[in-house]
């Protein structure tokens, strides 16, 4: 697996010409789920599941564990279960133009002690919040997977 950062100019060409492979995480603790407020596009300023790009040669579950640690500071999950795949096309991505991603979504259950010690990646997110109900203005894509995970 290559964990090399792609230079911005080259990454922009990828984003403009092909779909990105990503993982998104429905992080659950008891009867609540975690969303992060996005710092940049797509969906800047909106509540969204944590996640991100999969590296070349990286298994999807490994990418989920990596994103859990990088974005939330959680080193180990109680369980990780595949929920499904979703295509997402956003009019305004990180570079201002459209972005297309193919996202594998995982339900990640964590313990109480982990839920109380989130270390948010403020480089990519503004805030995080635990929810018991799906916010009304949630994008249809994460809403579908939150419902699949049992939330209303």
N, C-alpha and C. Protein backbone atom coordinates (compact mmCIF):
# COMPACT_ATOMS: atom_id res chain seq x y z
N UNK A 1 0.84 -1.17 0.00
CA UNK A 1 0.00 0.00 0.00
C UNK A 1 0.88 1.24 0.00
N UNK A 2 0.55 2.19 -0.85
CA UNK A 2 1.27 3.46 -0.92
C UNK A 2 0.53 4.50 -0.09
N UNK A 3 1.21 5.13 0.85
CA UNK A 3 0.60 6.17 1.67
C UNK A 3 1.18 7.54 1.31
N UNK A 4 1.52 7.70 0.07
CA UNK A 4 2.15 8.92 -0.38
C UNK A 4 1.10 10.00 -0.63
N UNK A 5 1.40 11.21 -0.18
CA UNK A 5 0.52 12.33 -0.46
C UNK A 5 0.70 12.71 -1.93
N UNK A 6 -0.40 12.86 -2.63
CA UNK A 6 -0.37 13.23 -4.04
C UNK A 6 -0.28 14.75 -4.13
N UNK A 7 0.65 15.28 -4.91
CA UNK A 7 0.75 16.74 -5.06
C UNK A 7 -0.59 17.32 -5.52
N UNK A 8 -0.94 18.50 -5.02
CA UNK A 8 -2.24 19.13 -5.27
C UNK A 8 -2.57 19.24 -6.76
N UNK A 9 -1.59 19.62 -7.56
CA UNK A 9 -1.84 19.79 -9.00
C UNK A 9 -2.25 18.46 -9.66
N UNK A 10 -1.57 17.38 -9.29
CA UNK A 10 -1.90 16.06 -9.83
C UNK A 10 -3.23 15.56 -9.27
N UNK A 11 -3.44 15.77 -7.97
CA UNK A 11 -4.70 15.34 -7.34
C UNK A 11 -5.89 16.04 -7.99
N UNK A 12 -5.73 17.31 -8.31
CA UNK A 12 -6.79 18.06 -8.98
C UNK A 12 -7.15 17.41 -10.31
N UNK A 13 -6.13 16.96 -11.07
CA UNK A 13 -6.39 16.27 -12.35
C UNK A 13 -7.20 14.98 -12.13
N UNK A 14 -6.85 14.24 -11.07
CA UNK A 14 -7.60 13.03 -10.73
C UNK A 14 -9.06 13.39 -10.47
N UNK A 15 -9.27 14.36 -9.60
CA UNK A 15 -10.62 14.75 -9.19
C UNK A 15 -11.45 15.21 -10.38
N UNK A 16 -10.81 15.90 -11.31
CA UNK A 16 -11.52 16.42 -12.48
C UNK A 16 -11.83 15.36 -13.53
N UNK A 17 -11.15 14.19 -13.45
CA UNK A 17 -11.26 13.21 -14.53
C UNK A 17 -11.70 11.81 -14.15
N UNK A 18 -11.82 11.54 -12.86
CA UNK A 18 -12.17 10.17 -12.48
C UNK A 18 -12.81 10.15 -11.09
N UNK A 19 -13.54 9.09 -10.77
CA UNK A 19 -14.12 9.01 -9.43
C UNK A 19 -13.05 8.72 -8.38
N UNK A 20 -13.30 9.18 -7.18
CA UNK A 20 -12.43 8.89 -6.05
C UNK A 20 -13.03 7.73 -5.26
N UNK A 21 -12.18 6.85 -4.77
CA UNK A 21 -12.62 5.73 -3.94
C UNK A 21 -12.46 6.17 -2.48
N UNK A 22 -13.56 6.16 -1.74
CA UNK A 22 -13.55 6.64 -0.36
C UNK A 22 -14.27 5.66 0.57
N UNK A 23 -14.01 5.83 1.85
CA UNK A 23 -14.78 5.15 2.89
C UNK A 23 -15.45 6.22 3.74
N UNK A 24 -16.66 5.95 4.17
CA UNK A 24 -17.36 6.80 5.13
C UNK A 24 -17.79 5.93 6.30
N UNK A 25 -17.80 6.54 7.49
CA UNK A 25 -18.03 5.78 8.71
C UNK A 25 -19.27 6.28 9.45
N UNK A 26 -20.19 5.36 9.72
CA UNK A 26 -21.28 5.64 10.63
C UNK A 26 -20.78 5.16 11.99
N UNK A 27 -20.30 6.11 12.80
CA UNK A 27 -19.72 5.78 14.10
C UNK A 27 -20.83 5.78 15.14
N UNK A 28 -21.00 4.64 15.81
CA UNK A 28 -22.09 4.45 16.76
C UNK A 28 -21.56 4.17 18.16
N UNK A 29 -22.22 4.78 19.13
CA UNK A 29 -21.98 4.50 20.54
C UNK A 29 -23.34 4.48 21.21
N UNK A 30 -23.73 3.30 21.69
CA UNK A 30 -25.05 3.08 22.28
C UNK A 30 -26.13 3.44 21.27
N UNK A 31 -26.97 4.41 21.59
CA UNK A 31 -28.10 4.76 20.72
C UNK A 31 -27.87 6.09 20.01
N UNK A 32 -26.61 6.41 19.75
CA UNK A 32 -26.30 7.69 19.10
C UNK A 32 -25.20 7.50 18.05
N UNK A 33 -25.13 8.45 17.14
CA UNK A 33 -24.13 8.40 16.07
C UNK A 33 -23.42 9.74 15.98
N UNK A 34 -22.21 9.70 15.44
CA UNK A 34 -21.36 10.88 15.38
C UNK A 34 -21.30 11.43 13.96
N UNK A 35 -21.42 12.74 13.85
CA UNK A 35 -21.20 13.43 12.58
C UNK A 35 -20.17 14.52 12.81
N UNK A 36 -19.43 14.85 11.77
CA UNK A 36 -18.44 15.93 11.82
C UNK A 36 -18.91 17.07 10.91
N UNK A 37 -18.58 18.30 11.30
CA UNK A 37 -18.91 19.45 10.46
C UNK A 37 -17.73 19.70 9.53
N UNK A 38 -18.01 19.63 8.23
CA UNK A 38 -16.96 19.72 7.22
C UNK A 38 -16.38 21.13 7.12
N UNK A 39 -15.06 21.20 6.99
CA UNK A 39 -14.35 22.48 6.89
C UNK A 39 -14.24 22.97 5.45
N UNK A 40 -14.31 22.05 4.50
CA UNK A 40 -14.18 22.43 3.10
C UNK A 40 -15.17 21.65 2.24
N UNK A 41 -15.26 22.04 0.99
CA UNK A 41 -16.16 21.35 0.05
C UNK A 41 -15.60 19.98 -0.31
N UNK A 42 -16.43 19.04 -0.68
CA UNK A 42 -17.87 19.20 -0.83
C UNK A 42 -18.60 19.23 0.52
N UNK A 43 -19.77 19.85 0.51
CA UNK A 43 -20.64 19.95 1.68
C UNK A 43 -20.03 20.74 2.83
N UNK A 44 -19.30 21.80 2.50
CA UNK A 44 -18.67 22.66 3.49
C UNK A 44 -19.70 23.18 4.50
N UNK A 45 -19.35 23.07 5.79
CA UNK A 45 -20.21 23.57 6.86
C UNK A 45 -21.37 22.66 7.23
N UNK A 46 -21.46 21.50 6.59
CA UNK A 46 -22.57 20.57 6.85
C UNK A 46 -22.10 19.41 7.72
N UNK A 47 -23.06 18.82 8.43
CA UNK A 47 -22.78 17.62 9.23
C UNK A 47 -22.69 16.43 8.30
N UNK A 48 -21.64 15.62 8.50
CA UNK A 48 -21.33 14.54 7.56
C UNK A 48 -20.63 13.41 8.32
N UNK A 49 -20.73 12.16 7.85
CA UNK A 49 -19.97 11.09 8.49
C UNK A 49 -18.47 11.28 8.25
N UNK A 50 -17.63 10.92 9.21
CA UNK A 50 -16.19 10.99 8.97
C UNK A 50 -15.78 9.97 7.91
N UNK A 51 -14.67 10.22 7.27
CA UNK A 51 -14.17 9.30 6.25
C UNK A 51 -13.21 9.99 5.31
N UNK A 52 -12.89 9.31 4.23
CA UNK A 52 -11.98 9.90 3.26
C UNK A 52 -11.47 8.90 2.26
N UNK A 53 -10.47 9.34 1.52
CA UNK A 53 -9.93 8.59 0.40
C UNK A 53 -9.22 7.32 0.83
N UNK A 54 -9.33 6.30 -0.01
CA UNK A 54 -8.64 5.02 0.18
C UNK A 54 -7.32 5.10 -0.59
N UNK A 55 -6.25 4.66 0.04
CA UNK A 55 -4.94 4.65 -0.61
C UNK A 55 -4.82 3.48 -1.58
N UNK A 56 -3.91 3.61 -2.54
CA UNK A 56 -3.63 2.55 -3.49
C UNK A 56 -3.20 1.29 -2.73
N UNK A 57 -3.88 0.16 -3.00
CA UNK A 57 -3.54 -1.11 -2.38
C UNK A 57 -4.09 -1.31 -0.98
N UNK A 58 -4.79 -0.32 -0.45
CA UNK A 58 -5.32 -0.41 0.92
C UNK A 58 -6.67 -1.11 0.92
N UNK A 59 -6.86 -2.06 1.79
CA UNK A 59 -8.14 -2.74 1.95
C UNK A 59 -9.15 -1.76 2.56
N UNK A 60 -10.42 -1.91 2.23
CA UNK A 60 -11.45 -0.98 2.70
C UNK A 60 -11.57 -0.95 4.23
N UNK A 61 -11.51 -2.11 4.86
CA UNK A 61 -11.59 -2.14 6.33
C UNK A 61 -10.37 -1.45 6.94
N UNK A 62 -9.21 -1.66 6.34
CA UNK A 62 -7.99 -0.98 6.82
C UNK A 62 -8.12 0.53 6.67
N UNK A 63 -8.68 0.97 5.55
CA UNK A 63 -8.89 2.41 5.34
C UNK A 63 -9.86 2.96 6.38
N UNK A 64 -10.88 2.18 6.73
CA UNK A 64 -11.84 2.60 7.75
C UNK A 64 -11.16 2.77 9.11
N UNK A 65 -10.32 1.82 9.45
CA UNK A 65 -9.58 1.91 10.73
C UNK A 65 -8.63 3.12 10.72
N UNK A 66 -7.97 3.35 9.60
CA UNK A 66 -7.06 4.49 9.49
C UNK A 66 -7.81 5.80 9.63
N UNK A 67 -8.95 5.94 8.95
CA UNK A 67 -9.72 7.18 9.02
C UNK A 67 -10.28 7.39 10.42
N UNK A 68 -10.66 6.32 11.09
CA UNK A 68 -11.16 6.41 12.47
C UNK A 68 -10.08 7.01 13.38
N UNK A 69 -8.85 6.55 13.18
CA UNK A 69 -7.73 7.05 13.99
C UNK A 69 -7.34 8.48 13.58
N UNK A 70 -7.20 8.72 12.27
CA UNK A 70 -6.77 10.04 11.79
C UNK A 70 -7.78 11.14 12.10
N UNK A 71 -9.04 10.87 11.90
CA UNK A 71 -10.05 11.92 12.01
C UNK A 71 -10.64 12.06 13.40
N UNK A 72 -10.65 10.96 14.19
CA UNK A 72 -11.29 11.01 15.50
C UNK A 72 -10.38 10.62 16.65
N UNK A 73 -9.18 10.14 16.35
CA UNK A 73 -8.25 9.73 17.40
C UNK A 73 -8.62 8.41 18.05
N UNK A 74 -9.48 7.62 17.42
CA UNK A 74 -9.91 6.33 17.97
C UNK A 74 -9.04 5.23 17.39
N UNK A 75 -8.36 4.51 18.25
CA UNK A 75 -7.39 3.50 17.80
C UNK A 75 -7.99 2.13 17.56
N UNK A 76 -9.13 1.83 18.19
CA UNK A 76 -9.71 0.50 18.03
C UNK A 76 -11.23 0.56 18.16
N UNK A 77 -11.89 -0.14 17.25
CA UNK A 77 -13.36 -0.22 17.26
C UNK A 77 -13.79 -1.53 17.88
N UNK A 78 -14.99 -1.54 18.46
CA UNK A 78 -15.57 -2.79 18.96
C UNK A 78 -15.92 -3.70 17.79
N UNK A 79 -16.48 -3.08 16.74
CA UNK A 79 -16.81 -3.84 15.53
C UNK A 79 -16.89 -2.89 14.33
N UNK A 80 -16.65 -3.46 13.15
CA UNK A 80 -16.78 -2.73 11.90
C UNK A 80 -17.56 -3.64 10.95
N UNK A 81 -18.67 -3.09 10.41
CA UNK A 81 -19.52 -3.88 9.52
C UNK A 81 -19.85 -3.08 8.27
N UNK A 82 -19.69 -3.72 7.12
CA UNK A 82 -19.99 -3.09 5.83
C UNK A 82 -21.49 -2.85 5.70
N UNK A 83 -21.87 -1.62 5.30
CA UNK A 83 -23.29 -1.28 5.10
C UNK A 83 -23.67 -1.21 3.63
N UNK A 84 -22.74 -0.77 2.77
CA UNK A 84 -23.07 -0.67 1.36
C UNK A 84 -22.18 0.33 0.64
N UNK A 85 -22.53 0.55 -0.64
CA UNK A 85 -21.77 1.44 -1.51
C UNK A 85 -22.72 2.50 -2.05
N UNK A 86 -22.21 3.71 -2.18
CA UNK A 86 -23.00 4.81 -2.71
C UNK A 86 -22.13 5.66 -3.63
N UNK A 87 -22.70 6.04 -4.76
CA UNK A 87 -22.04 7.00 -5.63
C UNK A 87 -22.50 8.39 -5.21
N UNK A 88 -21.59 9.34 -5.23
CA UNK A 88 -21.96 10.72 -4.87
C UNK A 88 -21.33 11.68 -5.87
N UNK A 89 -22.17 12.54 -6.42
CA UNK A 89 -21.71 13.57 -7.34
C UNK A 89 -22.04 14.92 -6.70
N UNK A 90 -21.02 15.72 -6.48
CA UNK A 90 -21.20 17.03 -5.86
C UNK A 90 -20.81 18.10 -6.88
N UNK A 91 -21.61 19.15 -6.95
CA UNK A 91 -21.35 20.23 -7.90
C UNK A 91 -20.08 21.01 -7.56
N UNK A 92 -19.80 21.13 -6.26
CA UNK A 92 -18.66 21.92 -5.83
C UNK A 92 -17.78 21.10 -4.89
N UNK A 93 -16.62 20.70 -5.39
CA UNK A 93 -15.67 19.93 -4.61
C UNK A 93 -14.58 20.80 -4.04
N UNK A 94 -13.54 20.16 -3.56
CA UNK A 94 -12.42 20.82 -2.90
C UNK A 94 -11.76 21.88 -3.80
N UNK A 95 -11.68 21.62 -5.09
CA UNK A 95 -11.02 22.55 -6.01
C UNK A 95 -12.01 23.49 -6.70
N UNK A 96 -13.26 23.47 -6.29
CA UNK A 96 -14.26 24.39 -6.84
C UNK A 96 -15.14 23.79 -7.91
N UNK A 97 -14.65 22.78 -8.62
CA UNK A 97 -15.44 22.13 -9.66
C UNK A 97 -16.15 20.90 -9.10
N UNK A 98 -16.85 20.17 -9.95
CA UNK A 98 -17.57 18.98 -9.49
C UNK A 98 -16.61 17.87 -9.02
N UNK A 99 -17.14 17.02 -8.17
CA UNK A 99 -16.38 15.87 -7.67
C UNK A 99 -17.31 14.66 -7.63
N UNK A 100 -16.77 13.53 -8.03
CA UNK A 100 -17.53 12.29 -8.08
C UNK A 100 -16.77 11.25 -7.25
N UNK A 101 -17.47 10.66 -6.30
CA UNK A 101 -16.82 9.64 -5.46
C UNK A 101 -17.67 8.39 -5.37
N UNK A 102 -16.99 7.28 -5.19
CA UNK A 102 -17.64 6.00 -4.93
C UNK A 102 -17.25 5.63 -3.51
N UNK A 103 -18.25 5.58 -2.64
CA UNK A 103 -18.02 5.47 -1.20
C UNK A 103 -18.50 4.13 -0.65
N UNK A 104 -17.60 3.46 0.05
CA UNK A 104 -17.97 2.26 0.80
C UNK A 104 -18.25 2.72 2.23
N UNK A 105 -19.42 2.36 2.74
CA UNK A 105 -19.84 2.86 4.05
C UNK A 105 -19.81 1.72 5.06
N UNK A 106 -19.25 2.01 6.23
CA UNK A 106 -19.11 1.03 7.30
C UNK A 106 -19.75 1.54 8.58
N UNK A 107 -20.41 0.63 9.28
CA UNK A 107 -20.92 0.91 10.63
C UNK A 107 -19.80 0.54 11.59
N UNK A 108 -19.37 1.52 12.39
CA UNK A 108 -18.27 1.33 13.32
C UNK A 108 -18.80 1.55 14.73
N UNK A 109 -18.79 0.50 15.54
CA UNK A 109 -19.25 0.62 16.93
C UNK A 109 -18.05 0.83 17.83
N UNK A 110 -18.18 1.82 18.72
CA UNK A 110 -17.11 2.12 19.66
C UNK A 110 -17.66 2.10 21.09
N UNK A 111 -16.75 2.01 22.06
CA UNK A 111 -17.13 1.99 23.46
C UNK A 111 -17.30 3.38 24.06
N UNK A 112 -17.87 3.43 25.26
CA UNK A 112 -18.12 4.71 25.94
C UNK A 112 -16.84 5.50 26.18
N UNK A 113 -15.78 4.82 26.59
CA UNK A 113 -14.55 5.55 26.90
C UNK A 113 -13.98 6.22 25.65
N UNK A 114 -14.12 5.56 24.51
CA UNK A 114 -13.65 6.15 23.25
C UNK A 114 -14.53 7.33 22.84
N UNK A 115 -15.83 7.19 23.03
CA UNK A 115 -16.78 8.24 22.65
C UNK A 115 -16.54 9.52 23.45
N UNK A 116 -16.04 9.37 24.66
CA UNK A 116 -15.79 10.52 25.53
C UNK A 116 -14.44 11.18 25.27
N UNK A 117 -13.61 10.53 24.44
CA UNK A 117 -12.25 11.06 24.21
C UNK A 117 -11.95 11.27 22.72
N UNK A 118 -12.90 11.82 21.99
CA UNK A 118 -12.69 12.11 20.58
C UNK A 118 -11.61 13.18 20.45
N UNK A 119 -10.66 12.94 19.55
CA UNK A 119 -9.61 13.93 19.23
C UNK A 119 -9.80 14.29 17.77
N UNK A 120 -10.63 15.28 17.53
CA UNK A 120 -11.02 15.65 16.18
C UNK A 120 -9.86 16.24 15.37
N UNK A 121 -9.81 15.85 14.11
CA UNK A 121 -8.85 16.41 13.16
C UNK A 121 -9.38 17.76 12.69
N UNK A 122 -8.89 18.84 13.33
CA UNK A 122 -9.37 20.18 12.99
C UNK A 122 -8.81 20.70 11.66
N UNK A 123 -7.90 19.96 11.06
CA UNK A 123 -7.40 20.32 9.73
C UNK A 123 -8.52 20.16 8.70
N UNK A 124 -9.38 19.17 8.91
CA UNK A 124 -10.45 18.87 7.96
C UNK A 124 -11.86 19.14 8.47
N UNK A 125 -12.00 19.31 9.78
CA UNK A 125 -13.34 19.46 10.37
C UNK A 125 -13.40 20.64 11.32
N UNK A 126 -14.60 21.20 11.44
CA UNK A 126 -14.82 22.33 12.35
C UNK A 126 -15.28 21.88 13.72
N UNK A 127 -16.02 20.77 13.76
CA UNK A 127 -16.62 20.33 15.02
C UNK A 127 -17.13 18.90 14.84
N UNK A 128 -17.55 18.29 15.94
CA UNK A 128 -18.24 17.01 15.89
C UNK A 128 -19.38 17.05 16.89
N UNK A 129 -20.34 16.16 16.67
CA UNK A 129 -21.51 16.13 17.56
C UNK A 129 -22.12 14.74 17.52
N UNK A 130 -22.59 14.29 18.68
CA UNK A 130 -23.33 13.04 18.77
C UNK A 130 -24.81 13.33 18.58
N UNK A 131 -25.48 12.53 17.75
CA UNK A 131 -26.90 12.68 17.45
C UNK A 131 -27.65 11.41 17.83
N UNK A 132 -28.89 11.57 18.18
CA UNK A 132 -29.79 10.42 18.40
C UNK A 132 -30.78 10.29 17.24
N UNK A 133 -31.07 11.41 16.59
CA UNK A 133 -31.98 11.43 15.44
C UNK A 133 -31.26 12.09 14.27
N UNK A 134 -31.61 11.65 13.08
CA UNK A 134 -31.01 12.19 11.86
C UNK A 134 -31.51 13.62 11.66
N UNK A 135 -30.60 14.60 11.56
CA UNK A 135 -31.03 15.98 11.31
C UNK A 135 -31.80 16.09 10.00
N UNK A 136 -32.82 16.94 9.98
CA UNK A 136 -33.68 17.08 8.80
C UNK A 136 -32.93 17.44 7.53
N UNK A 137 -31.92 18.28 7.65
CA UNK A 137 -31.22 18.77 6.46
C UNK A 137 -30.06 17.87 6.03
N UNK A 138 -30.01 16.64 6.54
CA UNK A 138 -28.95 15.71 6.16
C UNK A 138 -29.08 15.33 4.69
N UNK A 139 -27.96 15.33 3.99
CA UNK A 139 -27.90 14.94 2.58
C UNK A 139 -28.49 13.52 2.43
N UNK A 140 -29.19 13.23 1.34
CA UNK A 140 -29.81 11.91 1.15
C UNK A 140 -28.85 10.73 1.26
N UNK A 141 -27.61 10.91 0.81
CA UNK A 141 -26.65 9.81 0.84
C UNK A 141 -26.33 9.35 2.28
N UNK A 142 -25.84 10.22 3.17
CA UNK A 142 -25.59 9.72 4.53
C UNK A 142 -26.89 9.36 5.26
N UNK A 143 -27.98 10.03 4.94
CA UNK A 143 -29.26 9.73 5.59
C UNK A 143 -29.65 8.27 5.33
N UNK A 144 -29.43 7.81 4.10
CA UNK A 144 -29.78 6.43 3.73
C UNK A 144 -29.00 5.42 4.60
N UNK A 145 -27.71 5.69 4.81
CA UNK A 145 -26.89 4.75 5.59
C UNK A 145 -27.14 4.88 7.08
N UNK A 146 -27.48 6.06 7.55
CA UNK A 146 -27.86 6.21 8.96
C UNK A 146 -29.13 5.40 9.24
N UNK A 147 -30.05 5.42 8.29
CA UNK A 147 -31.28 4.62 8.44
C UNK A 147 -30.97 3.12 8.39
N UNK A 148 -30.06 2.71 7.48
CA UNK A 148 -29.66 1.31 7.41
C UNK A 148 -29.02 0.85 8.72
N UNK A 149 -28.36 1.78 9.40
CA UNK A 149 -27.71 1.45 10.70
C UNK A 149 -28.73 1.43 11.83
N UNK A 150 -29.99 1.80 11.55
CA UNK A 150 -31.03 1.71 12.56
C UNK A 150 -31.45 3.04 13.18
N UNK A 151 -30.94 4.14 12.66
CA UNK A 151 -31.31 5.46 13.21
C UNK A 151 -32.48 6.04 12.43
N UNK A 152 -33.23 6.90 13.11
CA UNK A 152 -34.41 7.53 12.49
C UNK A 152 -34.28 9.03 12.52
